[in-house]
Amino acid sequence: MPSYEVKIDKEILEQIAVAETMHNFVLESVPQRFLTDTDQKTIVVALFSLVVEHHGAILTLLKLGRFDGSAFALLRPLIDAVYRAFWVHYCAKPEHLAAIRKGDSPYPRLPNMADEVDKHMTYTGGLFSALKPHIKTLHGYTHGGLEQLGRRFDTSGNVQPNYAAGEKLEVITSSTAYLVILAVSWCQIVDGGPPEKEKQSELIMNRYNELFAAKP
């Protein structure tokens, strides 16, 4: 395959920088000390840690400019981990938690998990169920479907990654939004009090609104 010159749009780099600022703010703001005194907390914080890592990897890969496909492939696992975290917190029964600890996978399929989670998170306006029409596309990005294969050629037919700037921006903004919503909930879970009175989650949301309210 021929080598190619890496070109990254200025807008992409600017949005990555904004997302990295949010990423770092989340890490600074979430609880640094907490008790993993229940299976739910242990599993949720493990999933949150995975989401943080996926988000950082997506931004790094896009910033390098040579690994866009790998960045896109990570979006589905990131979102899946967020869904699983909320499902564990709101919906999982003791036998589900025991199964997870044994290495089994009692999670519902992603569309069903979205419906179950949305019943407990009415304040998101159906955010989770709204993703359902896009699950097949996300699956294709992760598993080498046409969504990936069709973007391995430039307009001249050369073998060269060809991901649109708008698509990259969507990956950046959506992955950051999912990171933030789980970070907010993790702060509230650790606090254990009324969610609306938890201060760190409020700080995270305020910072997110500052950085992204005017963004597409």
Protein backbone atom coordinates (compact mmCIF):
# COMPACT_ATOMS: atom_id res chain seq x y z
CA MET A 1 0.00 0.00 0.00
CA PRO A 2 1.33 3.47 -0.83
CA SER A 3 2.34 5.85 1.91
CA TYR A 4 0.25 8.97 2.31
CA GLU A 5 0.56 12.37 3.85
CA VAL A 6 -1.31 12.84 7.09
CA LYS A 7 -3.55 15.89 7.05
CA ILE A 8 -5.77 16.77 10.00
CA ASP A 9 -8.31 19.56 9.80
CA LYS A 10 -7.75 22.42 12.19
CA GLU A 11 -11.33 22.07 13.42
CA ILE A 12 -10.70 18.43 14.33
CA LEU A 13 -7.59 19.30 16.33
CA GLU A 14 -9.42 22.11 18.11
CA GLN A 15 -12.30 19.82 19.05
CA ILE A 16 -9.89 17.14 20.25
CA ALA A 17 -8.23 19.74 22.48
CA VAL A 18 -11.61 20.69 23.94
CA ALA A 19 -12.46 17.03 24.54
CA GLU A 20 -9.08 16.45 26.19
CA THR A 21 -9.77 19.40 28.50
CA MET A 22 -13.07 17.77 29.47
CA HIS A 23 -11.40 14.38 29.86
CA ASN A 24 -8.82 15.78 32.25
CA PHE A 25 -11.43 17.73 34.19
CA VAL A 26 -13.42 14.54 34.69
CA LEU A 27 -10.35 12.75 36.05
CA GLU A 28 -9.65 15.62 38.43
CA SER A 29 -13.26 15.85 39.63
CA VAL A 30 -14.45 12.29 40.21
CA PRO A 31 -13.93 10.81 43.69
CA GLN A 32 -10.35 9.75 44.31
CA ARG A 33 -11.25 7.70 47.37
CA PHE A 34 -14.29 5.48 47.66
CA LEU A 35 -15.38 2.14 49.07
CA THR A 36 -16.01 -0.73 46.69
CA ASP A 37 -18.28 -2.18 49.34
CA THR A 38 -20.83 -3.65 46.93
CA ASP A 39 -20.60 -5.70 43.77
CA GLN A 40 -22.47 -2.93 41.97
CA LYS A 41 -19.89 -0.28 42.84
CA THR A 42 -16.99 -2.58 41.98
CA ILE A 43 -18.37 -3.38 38.54
CA VAL A 44 -19.49 0.18 37.79
CA VAL A 45 -16.12 1.73 38.66
CA ALA A 46 -14.33 -0.91 36.57
CA LEU A 47 -16.56 -0.05 33.61
CA PHE A 48 -16.06 3.67 34.22
CA SER A 49 -12.29 3.13 34.19
CA LEU A 50 -12.63 1.34 30.87
CA VAL A 51 -14.71 4.19 29.43
CA VAL A 52 -12.06 6.72 30.49
CA GLU A 53 -9.39 4.66 28.75
CA HIS A 54 -11.42 4.20 25.55
CA HIS A 55 -12.17 7.92 25.42
CA GLY A 56 -8.53 8.86 25.83
CA ALA A 57 -7.54 6.33 23.17
CA ILE A 58 -10.11 7.67 20.68
CA LEU A 59 -8.78 11.20 21.06
CA THR A 60 -5.15 10.06 20.79
CA LEU A 61 -5.78 7.97 17.68
CA LEU A 62 -7.66 10.78 15.94
CA LYS A 63 -4.99 13.30 16.84
CA LEU A 64 -2.29 11.11 15.28
CA GLY A 65 -4.22 11.16 12.02
CA ARG A 66 -3.23 7.67 10.89
CA PHE A 67 -5.56 5.52 12.96
CA ASP A 68 -9.05 6.93 12.35
CA GLY A 69 -10.56 3.50 11.76
CA SER A 70 -9.31 2.24 15.10
CA ALA A 71 -10.73 5.32 16.81
CA PHE A 72 -14.13 4.68 15.21
CA ALA A 73 -13.94 1.01 16.23
CA LEU A 74 -13.64 2.00 19.89
CA LEU A 75 -16.87 4.03 19.98
CA ARG A 76 -19.14 1.00 20.23
CA PRO A 77 -17.17 -0.59 23.13
CA LEU A 78 -17.15 2.77 24.93
CA ILE A 79 -20.91 3.18 24.61
CA ASP A 80 -21.50 -0.46 25.49
CA ALA A 81 -19.49 -0.04 28.70
CA VAL A 82 -21.55 3.03 29.63
CA TYR A 83 -24.81 1.14 29.05
CA ARG A 84 -23.55 -1.79 31.09
CA ALA A 85 -22.55 0.46 33.97
CA PHE A 86 -26.02 1.99 34.17
CA TRP A 87 -27.69 -1.38 33.74
CA VAL A 88 -25.63 -2.82 36.59
CA HIS A 89 -26.52 0.13 38.81
CA TYR A 90 -30.23 0.33 38.05
CA CYS A 91 -31.36 -3.03 36.75
CA ALA A 92 -29.05 -5.91 37.67
CA LYS A 93 -30.27 -8.45 40.23
CA PRO A 94 -27.98 -10.25 42.67
CA GLU A 95 -27.76 -13.26 40.38
CA HIS A 96 -26.64 -11.00 37.52
CA LEU A 97 -23.89 -9.50 39.64
CA ALA A 98 -22.75 -12.96 40.74
CA ALA A 99 -22.65 -14.06 37.12
CA ILE A 100 -20.49 -11.08 36.14
CA ARG A 101 -18.06 -11.83 38.93
CA LYS A 102 -17.76 -15.39 37.61
CA GLY A 103 -16.93 -14.13 34.13
CA ASP A 104 -20.33 -14.72 32.56
CA SER A 105 -22.21 -12.09 30.56
CA PRO A 106 -25.79 -11.70 31.77
CA TYR A 107 -26.21 -8.32 30.06
CA PRO A 108 -29.19 -7.90 27.73
CA ARG A 109 -28.60 -7.10 24.09
CA LEU A 110 -27.79 -3.44 23.61
CA PRO A 111 -31.24 -2.33 22.33
CA ASN A 112 -32.99 -4.06 25.26
CA MET A 113 -30.45 -2.69 27.71
CA ALA A 114 -31.13 0.81 26.36
CA ASP A 115 -34.86 0.43 27.00
CA GLU A 116 -34.32 -0.84 30.53
CA VAL A 117 -31.88 1.93 31.42
CA ASP A 118 -34.07 4.70 30.00
CA LYS A 119 -36.89 3.66 32.35
CA HIS A 120 -34.66 4.69 35.26
CA MET A 121 -33.08 7.75 33.65
CA THR A 122 -36.03 9.80 32.46
CA TYR A 123 -34.03 13.00 32.85
CA THR A 124 -31.90 12.12 29.81
CA GLY A 125 -34.87 12.51 27.48
CA GLY A 126 -34.51 9.03 26.02
CA LEU A 127 -30.80 9.42 25.27
CA PHE A 128 -30.11 5.71 25.46
CA SER A 129 -33.05 4.50 23.39
CA ALA A 130 -32.28 7.18 20.79
CA LEU A 131 -29.08 5.32 19.96
CA LYS A 132 -30.87 2.15 18.90
CA PRO A 133 -31.19 3.00 15.17
CA HIS A 134 -27.40 3.49 15.04
CA ILE A 135 -26.34 0.28 16.77
CA LYS A 136 -25.85 -1.63 13.50
CA THR A 137 -23.58 1.14 12.21
CA LEU A 138 -21.55 1.14 15.41
CA HIS A 139 -21.28 -2.64 15.19
CA GLY A 140 -19.95 -2.32 11.64
CA TYR A 141 -17.26 0.14 12.71
CA THR A 142 -16.12 -2.20 15.47
CA HIS A 143 -16.18 -5.44 13.52
CA GLY A 144 -14.89 -4.42 10.09
CA GLY A 145 -18.24 -4.01 8.39
CA LEU A 146 -18.98 -1.95 5.31
CA GLU A 147 -18.83 1.18 7.48
CA GLN A 148 -15.09 0.57 7.79
CA LEU A 149 -14.35 -1.10 4.46
CA GLY A 150 -16.00 1.67 2.46
CA ARG A 151 -13.74 4.24 4.10
CA ARG A 152 -10.45 2.53 3.21
CA PHE A 153 -10.23 4.25 -0.19
CA ASP A 154 -9.83 7.86 -1.26
CA THR A 155 -11.80 9.47 -4.08
CA SER A 156 -9.25 8.21 -6.64
CA GLY A 157 -9.56 4.62 -5.48
CA ASN A 158 -6.24 4.51 -3.66
CA VAL A 159 -6.06 2.46 -0.46
CA GLN A 160 -6.09 5.28 2.05
CA PRO A 161 -8.35 5.92 5.04
CA ASN A 162 -11.09 8.37 4.12
CA TYR A 163 -13.18 9.45 7.11
CA ALA A 164 -15.13 12.69 6.79
CA ALA A 165 -14.38 15.55 9.17
CA GLY A 166 -18.01 15.64 10.28
CA GLU A 167 -17.87 11.96 11.18
CA LYS A 168 -14.76 12.51 13.26
CA LEU A 169 -16.37 15.43 15.07
CA GLU A 170 -19.36 13.24 15.87
CA VAL A 171 -17.12 10.55 17.35
CA ILE A 172 -15.34 13.15 19.49
CA THR A 173 -18.49 14.84 20.78
CA SER A 174 -20.55 11.68 21.32
CA SER A 175 -17.77 9.77 23.12
CA THR A 176 -17.19 12.77 25.36
CA ALA A 177 -20.89 13.09 26.15
CA TYR A 178 -21.08 9.45 27.22
CA LEU A 179 -17.96 9.82 29.34
CA VAL A 180 -19.49 12.83 31.09
CA ILE A 181 -22.88 11.26 31.79
CA LEU A 182 -21.23 8.24 33.42
CA ALA A 183 -18.81 10.43 35.39
CA VAL A 184 -21.73 12.46 36.72
CA SER A 185 -23.55 9.34 37.83
CA TRP A 186 -20.42 7.81 39.37
CA CYS A 187 -19.99 10.89 41.57
CA GLN A 188 -23.59 10.55 42.71
CA ILE A 189 -23.27 6.81 43.32
CA VAL A 190 -20.22 7.29 45.52
CA ASP A 191 -21.88 10.14 47.41
CA GLY A 192 -25.00 8.08 48.12
CA GLY A 193 -27.15 11.12 48.89
CA PRO A 194 -29.74 12.94 46.80
CA PRO A 195 -28.24 13.25 43.29
CA GLU A 196 -29.26 16.89 42.93
CA LYS A 197 -27.15 17.81 45.98
CA GLU A 198 -23.92 16.15 44.88
CA LYS A 199 -21.45 18.95 44.13
CA GLN A 200 -18.80 17.26 41.96
CA SER A 201 -21.32 16.02 39.42
CA GLU A 202 -22.67 19.56 39.16
CA LEU A 203 -19.15 20.88 38.53
CA ILE A 204 -18.62 18.31 35.78
CA MET A 205 -21.88 19.19 34.05
CA ASN A 206 -21.20 22.91 34.30
CA ARG A 207 -17.77 22.46 32.75
CA TYR A 208 -19.20 20.28 30.00
CA ASN A 209 -21.81 22.91 29.19
CA GLU A 210 -19.15 25.59 29.10
CA LEU A 211 -17.04 23.63 26.65
CA PHE A 212 -19.69 22.06 24.43
CA ALA A 213 -22.88 24.12 24.65
CA ALA A 214 -22.03 26.11 21.53
CA LYS A 215 -20.45 23.17 19.70
CA PRO A 216 -22.19 21.30 16.89
